[in-house]
Protein backbone atom coordinates (compact mmCIF):
# COMPACT_ATOMS: atom_id res chain seq x y z
CA MET A 1 -0.02 -0.07 0.09
CA ASN A 2 1.22 3.48 -0.78
CA ALA A 3 2.94 4.96 2.33
CA THR A 4 1.10 8.27 2.10
CA LEU A 5 -2.25 6.59 1.84
CA PHE A 6 -1.43 4.37 4.74
CA SER A 7 -0.28 7.12 6.93
CA THR A 8 -3.50 9.28 6.35
CA LYS A 9 -5.80 6.35 7.00
CA ARG A 10 -3.84 5.65 10.26
CA ALA A 11 -4.25 9.29 11.28
CA VAL A 12 -7.96 9.27 10.61
CA LEU A 13 -8.47 6.05 12.47
CA SER A 14 -6.58 7.44 15.42
CA LEU A 15 -9.03 10.22 15.62
CA VAL A 16 -11.92 7.93 15.70
CA ILE A 17 -10.40 5.84 18.51
CA ALA A 18 -9.56 8.86 20.48
CA SER A 19 -13.14 10.16 20.10
CA ALA A 20 -14.59 6.68 21.27
CA LEU A 21 -12.47 6.91 24.43
CA SER A 22 -13.89 10.24 25.49
CA PRO A 23 -16.17 10.68 28.63
CA VAL A 24 -19.37 8.79 29.18
CA ALA A 25 -21.52 11.59 27.86
CA SER A 26 -19.95 11.11 24.49
CA ALA A 27 -20.34 7.36 24.73
CA GLU A 28 -24.11 7.88 24.74
CA SER A 29 -23.83 9.87 21.43
CA LEU A 30 -21.65 6.92 20.14
CA HIS A 31 -24.47 4.54 21.07
CA ASP A 32 -26.86 6.77 19.19
CA ALA A 33 -24.62 6.79 16.14
CA TRP A 34 -24.77 2.88 16.12
CA SER A 35 -28.52 3.02 16.55
CA ASP A 36 -28.68 5.29 13.39
CA SER A 37 -26.77 2.74 11.31
CA LYS A 38 -28.53 1.44 8.21
CA ALA A 39 -28.41 -1.81 6.26
CA SER A 40 -29.57 -2.31 2.71
CA ALA A 41 -29.57 -4.72 -0.16
CA SER A 42 -30.01 -4.34 -4.01
CA PHE A 43 -30.40 -7.11 -6.65
CA ARG A 44 -30.06 -6.88 -10.45
CA LEU A 45 -30.78 -9.89 -12.58
CA ARG A 46 -29.81 -9.30 -16.27
CA TYR A 47 -29.71 -11.13 -19.54
CA GLU A 48 -27.21 -9.91 -22.12
CA GLY A 49 -26.85 -11.38 -25.56
CA ALA A 50 -24.14 -10.39 -28.14
CA SER A 51 -23.69 -11.30 -31.76
CA GLN A 52 -20.81 -10.21 -34.03
CA ASP A 53 -20.05 -10.79 -37.63
CA ASN A 54 -16.80 -12.63 -36.93
CA ALA A 55 -15.37 -15.97 -35.85
CA ALA A 56 -16.46 -15.58 -32.18
CA LYS A 57 -19.54 -17.54 -31.17
CA ASP A 58 -22.68 -15.61 -30.09
CA ALA A 59 -22.56 -14.82 -26.39
CA SER A 60 -25.26 -15.00 -23.76
CA ALA A 61 -25.04 -14.25 -20.08
CA LEU A 62 -27.63 -14.37 -17.25
CA THR A 63 -26.00 -12.83 -14.16
CA LEU A 64 -27.29 -11.67 -10.76
CA ARG A 65 -25.61 -8.70 -9.03
CA THR A 66 -26.11 -8.73 -5.19
CA LEU A 67 -25.05 -5.72 -3.21
CA LEU A 68 -25.22 -5.83 0.61
CA SER A 69 -24.58 -2.43 2.35
CA TYR A 70 -23.99 -1.19 5.87
CA GLU A 71 -23.58 2.47 6.73
CA SER A 72 -23.07 3.62 10.27
CA GLY A 73 -24.60 6.70 11.86
CA SER A 74 -22.45 9.76 12.38
CA TYR A 75 -20.42 10.31 15.63
CA LYS A 76 -18.67 13.67 15.94
CA GLY A 77 -18.70 13.88 12.17
CA PHE A 78 -17.20 10.35 11.61
CA SER A 79 -18.92 7.44 10.08
CA PHE A 80 -18.12 4.44 7.80
CA LYS A 81 -19.64 2.51 5.09
CA ALA A 82 -19.08 -1.08 3.70
CA ASP A 83 -20.52 -2.64 0.60
CA LEU A 84 -20.05 -6.43 -0.50
CA GLU A 85 -20.73 -7.17 -4.02
CA ASP A 86 -21.30 -10.51 -5.58
CA VAL A 87 -21.86 -11.33 -9.23
CA THR A 88 -23.03 -14.87 -10.12
CA ILE A 89 -23.95 -16.66 -13.26
CA VAL A 90 -27.46 -18.03 -13.09
CA MET A 91 -28.89 -21.26 -14.50
CA GLY A 92 -25.66 -21.96 -16.15
CA GLN A 93 -25.97 -19.20 -18.75
CA GLY A 94 -22.35 -18.25 -18.93
CA ASP A 95 -21.44 -18.70 -22.62
CA TYR A 96 -19.42 -15.50 -23.05
CA THR A 97 -15.84 -14.14 -22.91
CA VAL A 98 -14.25 -11.79 -20.44
CA GLY A 99 -10.67 -11.44 -21.59
CA PRO A 100 -9.06 -9.43 -18.66
CA ALA A 101 -10.62 -11.98 -16.23
CA GLY A 102 -9.23 -14.91 -18.29
CA TYR A 103 -12.77 -16.35 -18.75
CA ASN A 104 -13.52 -18.41 -21.90
CA LEU A 105 -10.72 -16.63 -23.88
CA GLY A 106 -11.27 -16.45 -27.58
CA GLN A 107 -14.44 -18.46 -27.70
CA TYR A 108 -17.36 -16.06 -27.53
CA SER A 109 -18.20 -12.42 -28.04
CA VAL A 110 -17.29 -10.29 -24.93
CA ILE A 111 -19.78 -9.51 -22.14
CA ALA A 112 -17.78 -7.82 -19.42
CA ASP A 113 -19.45 -9.35 -16.35
CA PRO A 114 -17.17 -11.91 -14.70
CA GLU A 115 -18.26 -13.90 -11.61
CA THR A 116 -16.78 -12.18 -8.61
CA THR A 117 -17.23 -11.54 -4.95
CA GLU A 118 -15.37 -8.56 -3.52
CA LEU A 119 -15.47 -5.50 -1.32
CA ASN A 120 -17.23 -2.81 -3.49
CA GLN A 121 -16.76 0.07 -0.97
CA GLY A 122 -15.22 0.20 2.49
CA TYR A 123 -14.28 3.59 3.75
CA LEU A 124 -14.05 5.80 6.80
CA GLN A 125 -15.71 9.27 6.44
CA TYR A 126 -15.39 12.59 8.23
CA LYS A 127 -17.98 15.31 7.51
CA GLY A 128 -18.32 18.75 8.99
CA ASP A 129 -18.17 22.49 8.13
CA GLY A 130 -18.71 21.89 4.39
CA VAL A 131 -15.80 19.33 4.28
CA THR A 132 -16.19 15.70 3.51
CA VAL A 133 -13.07 13.42 3.74
CA LYS A 134 -13.16 9.75 2.68
CA ALA A 135 -10.40 7.20 3.23
CA GLY A 136 -10.70 3.76 1.68
CA ARG A 137 -12.31 2.00 -1.14
CA GLN A 138 -14.95 4.22 -2.68
CA ILE A 139 -17.10 5.37 -5.60
CA ILE A 140 -15.86 8.47 -7.30
CA ALA A 141 -18.06 9.86 -10.16
CA LEU A 142 -17.42 13.33 -11.39
CA ASP A 143 -19.68 15.43 -13.59
CA GLY A 144 -21.20 13.32 -16.36
CA HIS A 145 -18.79 10.34 -15.85
CA ARG A 146 -16.98 11.25 -18.99
CA PHE A 147 -13.47 11.31 -17.45
CA VAL A 148 -14.13 9.65 -13.98
CA GLY A 149 -17.14 7.24 -13.17
CA HIS A 150 -18.17 3.97 -11.51
CA VAL A 151 -19.32 2.12 -14.58
CA GLY A 152 -22.62 1.43 -12.96
CA TRP A 153 -23.97 -0.19 -16.05
CA ARG A 154 -21.74 -3.28 -15.56
CA GLN A 155 -22.49 -5.79 -12.83
CA ASP A 156 -19.06 -5.31 -11.25
CA TRP A 157 -18.67 -1.59 -10.55
CA GLN A 158 -15.47 0.30 -10.76
CA THR A 159 -14.28 1.77 -7.59
CA TYR A 160 -11.00 3.27 -6.20
CA ASP A 161 -8.72 2.85 -3.21
CA ALA A 162 -8.37 6.54 -2.44
CA ILE A 163 -8.34 9.45 -0.14
CA SER A 164 -10.77 12.19 -1.24
CA VAL A 165 -11.65 15.55 0.03
CA ASN A 166 -14.71 17.53 -1.01
CA TYR A 167 -15.14 21.11 0.09
CA LYS A 168 -18.35 22.88 -0.41
CA ALA A 169 -17.39 26.43 0.08
CA SER A 170 -20.94 27.77 -0.67
CA GLU A 171 -24.10 26.89 -2.41
CA LYS A 172 -22.38 27.89 -5.67
CA LEU A 173 -18.60 26.83 -5.21
CA ASN A 174 -17.40 23.32 -4.82
CA ALA A 175 -13.80 21.86 -4.89
CA PHE A 176 -12.94 18.14 -5.00
CA TYR A 177 -9.58 16.45 -4.83
CA ALA A 178 -8.59 12.69 -4.67
CA TYR A 179 -5.51 10.62 -4.53
CA LEU A 180 -5.91 7.18 -6.01
CA ASN A 181 -3.54 4.33 -5.49
CA LYS A 182 -5.64 1.50 -6.99
CA ARG A 183 -8.35 1.25 -9.71
CA ASN A 184 -10.59 -1.59 -9.00
CA ARG A 185 -11.94 -2.30 -12.51
CA ILE A 186 -15.01 -4.01 -13.82
CA PHE A 187 -13.23 -7.34 -14.63
CA GLY A 188 -12.64 -8.61 -11.13
CA GLU A 189 -9.72 -8.25 -8.79
CA ALA A 190 -7.21 -9.99 -11.17
CA ALA A 191 -7.49 -7.05 -13.51
CA ASP A 192 -7.27 -4.23 -10.96
CA ILE A 193 -4.42 -1.59 -11.49
CA ASP A 194 -2.07 -0.05 -8.97
CA SER A 195 -1.81 3.66 -9.72
CA ASN A 196 -0.65 7.13 -8.56
CA ASP A 197 -3.51 9.20 -9.77
CA HIS A 198 -4.57 12.75 -8.81
CA LEU A 199 -8.00 14.16 -9.51
CA LEU A 200 -8.80 17.80 -9.18
CA ASN A 201 -12.30 19.27 -9.95
CA VAL A 202 -13.60 22.72 -9.17
CA SER A 203 -17.12 23.98 -10.20
CA TYR A 204 -19.24 27.04 -9.89
CA LYS A 205 -22.98 27.14 -10.27
CA SER A 206 -24.89 30.22 -11.62
CA ASP A 207 -28.45 30.80 -12.49
CA MET A 208 -27.60 29.88 -16.08
CA GLY A 209 -25.45 26.87 -15.61
CA LYS A 210 -22.41 25.20 -14.09
CA LEU A 211 -18.86 26.00 -14.96
CA THR A 212 -16.23 23.35 -14.23
CA ALA A 213 -12.49 23.15 -14.49
CA TYR A 214 -10.52 20.02 -13.89
CA ALA A 215 -7.06 18.44 -13.87
CA TYR A 216 -6.78 14.55 -13.91
CA LEU A 217 -3.17 13.48 -13.59
CA LEU A 218 -2.99 9.66 -14.17
CA GLU A 219 -0.10 7.25 -13.76
CA VAL A 220 -0.09 3.42 -13.71
CA ASP A 221 2.18 2.17 -10.86
CA ASN A 222 4.16 -0.50 -12.75
CA ASN A 223 7.79 0.73 -12.32
CA THR A 224 7.76 2.25 -15.84
CA GLU A 225 7.85 5.89 -16.93
CA ASN A 226 4.23 6.87 -17.82
CA SER A 227 1.80 9.58 -17.48
CA LEU A 228 -1.61 10.62 -18.77
CA ASP A 229 -2.42 14.25 -17.87
CA THR A 230 -5.71 15.90 -18.88
CA PHE A 231 -6.67 19.55 -18.25
CA GLY A 232 -10.22 20.77 -19.26
CA VAL A 233 -13.17 23.05 -18.78
CA SER A 234 -16.96 22.43 -19.20
CA TYR A 235 -20.05 24.50 -19.07
CA SER A 236 -23.62 23.00 -18.94
CA GLY A 237 -27.00 24.48 -18.17
CA ALA A 238 -30.68 25.14 -19.19
CA TYR A 239 -32.88 28.03 -19.92
CA GLN A 240 -36.70 28.03 -19.54
CA ALA A 241 -38.52 29.96 -22.25
CA ASP A 242 -42.31 29.70 -22.09
CA SER A 243 -43.09 26.04 -22.70
CA VAL A 244 -39.71 25.10 -23.94
CA LYS A 245 -36.68 24.26 -21.79
CA TRP A 246 -33.48 24.79 -23.88
CA LEU A 247 -30.43 22.66 -22.91
CA TYR A 248 -26.74 23.38 -23.67
CA ASN A 249 -23.44 21.64 -22.85
CA ALA A 250 -19.89 22.42 -24.05
CA GLU A 251 -16.51 20.96 -22.99
CA PHE A 252 -12.86 21.18 -24.09
CA ALA A 253 -9.82 19.34 -22.79
CA GLN A 254 -6.15 19.01 -23.70
CA GLN A 255 -4.35 15.67 -22.93
CA SER A 256 -0.69 14.61 -22.88
CA SER A 257 0.49 11.07 -22.84
CA GLU A 258 4.15 10.36 -21.98
CA THR A 259 6.32 7.31 -21.66
CA ALA A 260 10.06 6.68 -21.82
CA THR A 261 9.83 6.38 -25.60
CA THR A 262 6.62 8.32 -26.65
CA ASP A 263 5.14 11.81 -26.27
CA PHE A 264 1.70 12.41 -27.58
CA SER A 265 -1.02 15.12 -27.24
CA ALA A 266 -4.62 15.21 -28.24
CA SER A 267 -7.65 17.36 -27.76
CA TYR A 268 -11.24 16.65 -26.63
CA LEU A 269 -14.30 18.63 -27.70
CA MET A 270 -18.04 18.26 -27.01
CA LEU A 271 -20.87 20.43 -28.06
CA GLU A 272 -24.47 19.55 -27.29
CA ALA A 273 -27.84 21.42 -27.57
CA GLY A 274 -31.32 20.31 -26.88
CA ALA A 275 -34.86 21.17 -26.13
CA SER A 276 -37.46 19.66 -23.76
CA VAL A 277 -41.28 20.23 -24.36
CA SER A 278 -44.29 18.41 -23.19
CA GLY A 279 -42.28 15.45 -21.82
CA VAL A 280 -40.17 15.01 -24.96
CA THR A 281 -36.47 15.81 -24.86
CA ALA A 282 -34.41 16.00 -28.03
CA LYS A 283 -30.76 16.53 -28.24
CA LEU A 284 -28.00 16.98 -31.07
CA GLY A 285 -24.40 16.63 -30.22
CA TYR A 286 -20.89 16.44 -31.49
CA GLU A 287 -17.99 14.73 -29.66
CA LEU A 288 -14.42 14.64 -30.66
CA LEU A 289 -11.73 12.34 -29.12
CA GLY A 290 -8.80 13.81 -31.10
CA SER A 291 -5.80 12.18 -32.63
CA ASP A 292 -2.11 13.01 -32.74
CA ASP A 293 -1.34 12.69 -36.43
CA GLY A 294 -2.98 9.30 -36.52
CA ALA A 295 -0.65 7.85 -33.98
CA TYR A 296 -2.53 8.34 -30.72
CA GLY A 297 -6.24 8.71 -29.76
CA PHE A 298 -7.44 10.82 -26.70
CA ALA A 299 -8.09 8.40 -23.82
CA THR A 300 -10.44 8.31 -20.92
CA PRO A 301 -9.45 5.13 -18.88
CA LEU A 302 -11.54 6.06 -15.68
CA ALA A 303 -14.73 6.88 -17.58
CA THR A 304 -18.10 5.21 -17.53
CA LEU A 305 -17.35 4.36 -21.15
CA HIS A 306 -20.65 2.45 -21.86
CA LYS A 307 -22.54 5.75 -21.47
CA PHE A 308 -20.69 7.34 -24.51
CA ASN A 309 -20.22 6.59 -28.18
CA GLY A 310 -22.77 3.88 -28.42
CA TRP A 311 -23.95 0.99 -26.13
CA SER A 312 -22.37 -1.71 -28.19
CA ASP A 313 -19.07 -0.64 -26.63
CA GLN A 314 -17.05 -0.52 -29.86
CA TRP A 315 -15.01 2.47 -28.63
CA LEU A 316 -13.81 1.52 -25.09
CA GLY A 317 -10.41 2.42 -26.37
CA THR A 318 -10.05 5.35 -28.77
CA PRO A 319 -8.48 4.32 -32.15
CA ALA A 320 -5.15 5.95 -32.99
CA GLN A 321 -6.97 7.92 -35.75
CA GLY A 322 -9.27 9.47 -33.13
CA LEU A 323 -13.00 9.44 -33.06
CA GLN A 324 -15.70 11.89 -34.23
CA ASP A 325 -19.21 11.11 -32.99
CA ILE A 326 -22.13 13.07 -34.32
CA TYR A 327 -25.30 11.98 -32.43
CA ALA A 328 -28.91 12.76 -32.02
CA SER A 329 -31.32 11.39 -29.21
CA VAL A 330 -34.91 11.54 -28.37
CA ALA A 331 -36.34 10.68 -24.93
CA ALA A 332 -40.00 10.50 -24.01
CA LYS A 333 -42.47 9.17 -21.36
CA PHE A 334 -44.99 6.76 -23.09
CA ALA A 335 -46.86 3.57 -22.23
CA GLY A 336 -46.09 3.85 -18.50
CA GLY A 337 -42.38 4.10 -18.95
CA ASN A 338 -39.37 5.93 -20.36
CA TRP A 339 -38.24 5.63 -23.91
CA LEU A 340 -34.86 6.53 -25.36
CA ALA A 341 -33.59 6.41 -28.97
CA VAL A 342 -30.12 7.44 -30.00
CA TYR A 343 -28.34 7.49 -33.38
CA HIS A 344 -24.51 7.75 -33.72
CA LYS A 345 -22.39 8.43 -36.89
CA PHE A 346 -18.71 7.73 -36.31
CA ASP A 347 -15.73 9.01 -38.37
CA ALA A 348 -11.88 9.24 -37.88
CA ASP A 349 -10.39 12.55 -36.72
CA GLU A 350 -7.21 11.90 -38.60
CA ALA A 351 -8.14 9.66 -41.57
CA SER A 352 -5.70 7.29 -43.08
CA ALA A 353 -5.69 5.50 -46.40
CA THR A 354 -7.54 2.61 -44.91
CA VAL A 355 -9.35 4.19 -41.85
CA ASP A 356 -11.90 6.92 -42.20
CA ASP A 357 -15.54 5.71 -41.87
CA LEU A 358 -16.00 4.20 -38.45
CA GLY A 359 -19.56 3.09 -38.90
CA SER A 360 -22.84 4.05 -37.20
CA GLU A 361 -25.09 2.81 -34.35
CA ILE A 362 -28.71 2.75 -33.33
CA ASN A 363 -29.57 2.46 -29.59
CA LEU A 364 -33.11 1.86 -28.17
CA GLN A 365 -34.18 1.59 -24.57
CA TYR A 366 -37.39 1.19 -22.54
CA THR A 367 -37.54 1.30 -18.73
CA THR A 368 -40.47 1.24 -16.30
CA LYS A 369 -41.52 0.50 -12.71
CA VAL A 370 -43.49 -2.67 -11.73
CA ALA A 371 -45.34 -2.95 -8.36
CA GLU A 372 -43.52 0.21 -7.26
CA LYS A 373 -40.51 -1.81 -6.00
CA TYR A 374 -39.11 -3.31 -9.17
CA SER A 375 -37.44 -1.66 -12.11
CA VAL A 376 -37.42 -3.52 -15.42
CA GLY A 377 -35.90 -2.69 -18.75
CA VAL A 378 -35.07 -3.70 -22.32
CA LYS A 379 -32.21 -2.24 -24.26
CA TYR A 380 -30.89 -2.88 -27.83
CA ALA A 381 -27.73 -1.80 -29.72
CA ASN A 382 -27.13 -2.27 -33.42
CA TYR A 383 -23.62 -1.26 -34.79
CA SER A 384 -22.97 -1.16 -38.50
CA ALA A 385 -19.27 -1.38 -39.17
CA GLY A 386 -17.22 0.95 -41.24
CA ASP A 387 -13.57 0.59 -42.24
CA ILE A 388 -12.67 -1.30 -39.04
CA LYS A 389 -14.65 -3.35 -36.46
CA VAL A 390 -17.51 -5.75 -37.40
CA ASP A 391 -21.33 -5.53 -37.35
CA THR A 392 -22.60 -6.10 -33.83
CA ASP A 393 -26.03 -6.64 -32.19
CA LYS A 394 -26.50 -6.49 -28.33
CA LEU A 395 -29.65 -7.12 -26.42
CA TRP A 396 -30.34 -6.62 -22.63
CA LEU A 397 -33.21 -7.62 -20.44
CA TRP A 398 -33.16 -6.90 -16.66
CA VAL A 399 -35.18 -6.59 -13.37
CA ALA A 400 -33.81 -4.81 -10.22
CA THR A 401 -35.02 -4.04 -6.78
CA LYS A 402 -33.76 -2.53 -3.50
CA PHE A 403 -34.54 -3.21 0.17
């Protein structure tokens, strides 16, 4: 374990122990804190099928995600939380491949939900005077998850072994910093990555929107020279005009990637506009993950990648030629549920003689509530290949509940 992280955890734990040994009057408050503790559970049963126009066999997975959570009450600002996560194949429906987990290598199309049982979160927290400090394994999800997220779509969520500090200076101004020494990825413990990552995110809210500036300085701790540094700014908001709510979102970032033998740089740009009226929301957007002369593509290794650039997950890694994504979406409430349709057109940023057209994708989703306690959904992705990749179809059906 990183020495700095260990020392900070030990210091925080010492404060908790000292508080617990204070006079009897305080012990009564500690008893109240234990009484305020909460336990919860959530379950998500999901079928996923994947078919690709290649030599891999069609994949099918029926998996159950179980999350058992315990959260203590607060004592002098201190509390703790622990989550145990389990992902299990149900009824033997495990005909799929998870490469990083070493499961069925080279046999089926990929479905990134390996069987696993692990600590999802386990952290000590201090909260007071606008400051929240967490030490331990935790979820970190910043802004829209484009650069840092928990990949909540997958059954095994992404978490981080980290120390984080959030300071809410006012209702408008917020600052966040985290040091990460391990990325607990979605492929089970065998694929987790030791790291030396620094995340800084500062935001200011006004009546017209939210302005955010960030610096994400990432380094894999593998005894080699490497760095992935991203600096950016975003602005998002909405404006109500009569019966129409106008939506707008813009973001720009610059990234450098350095190793002992390479030095690349690339830009990120996102522009999105939309309108919401009578329960229907339509958006049109452009997203660019730039390229450095066709040799390097802008990378977002901590993102909730499934949320962006199509649900078939073709672009979990940006190609060296970069990626341009022009997309349009329509969301509406109908037939007792929520509908969403999205269309993507993909092209290279720095086209080569053989790579220019990167294909297109259609995404469809319907979700609703059943008996107030259950959420159910169906989701479909159809990717039509361009100069690279292959045609892909994916289908999901799920039911989830919480206690």
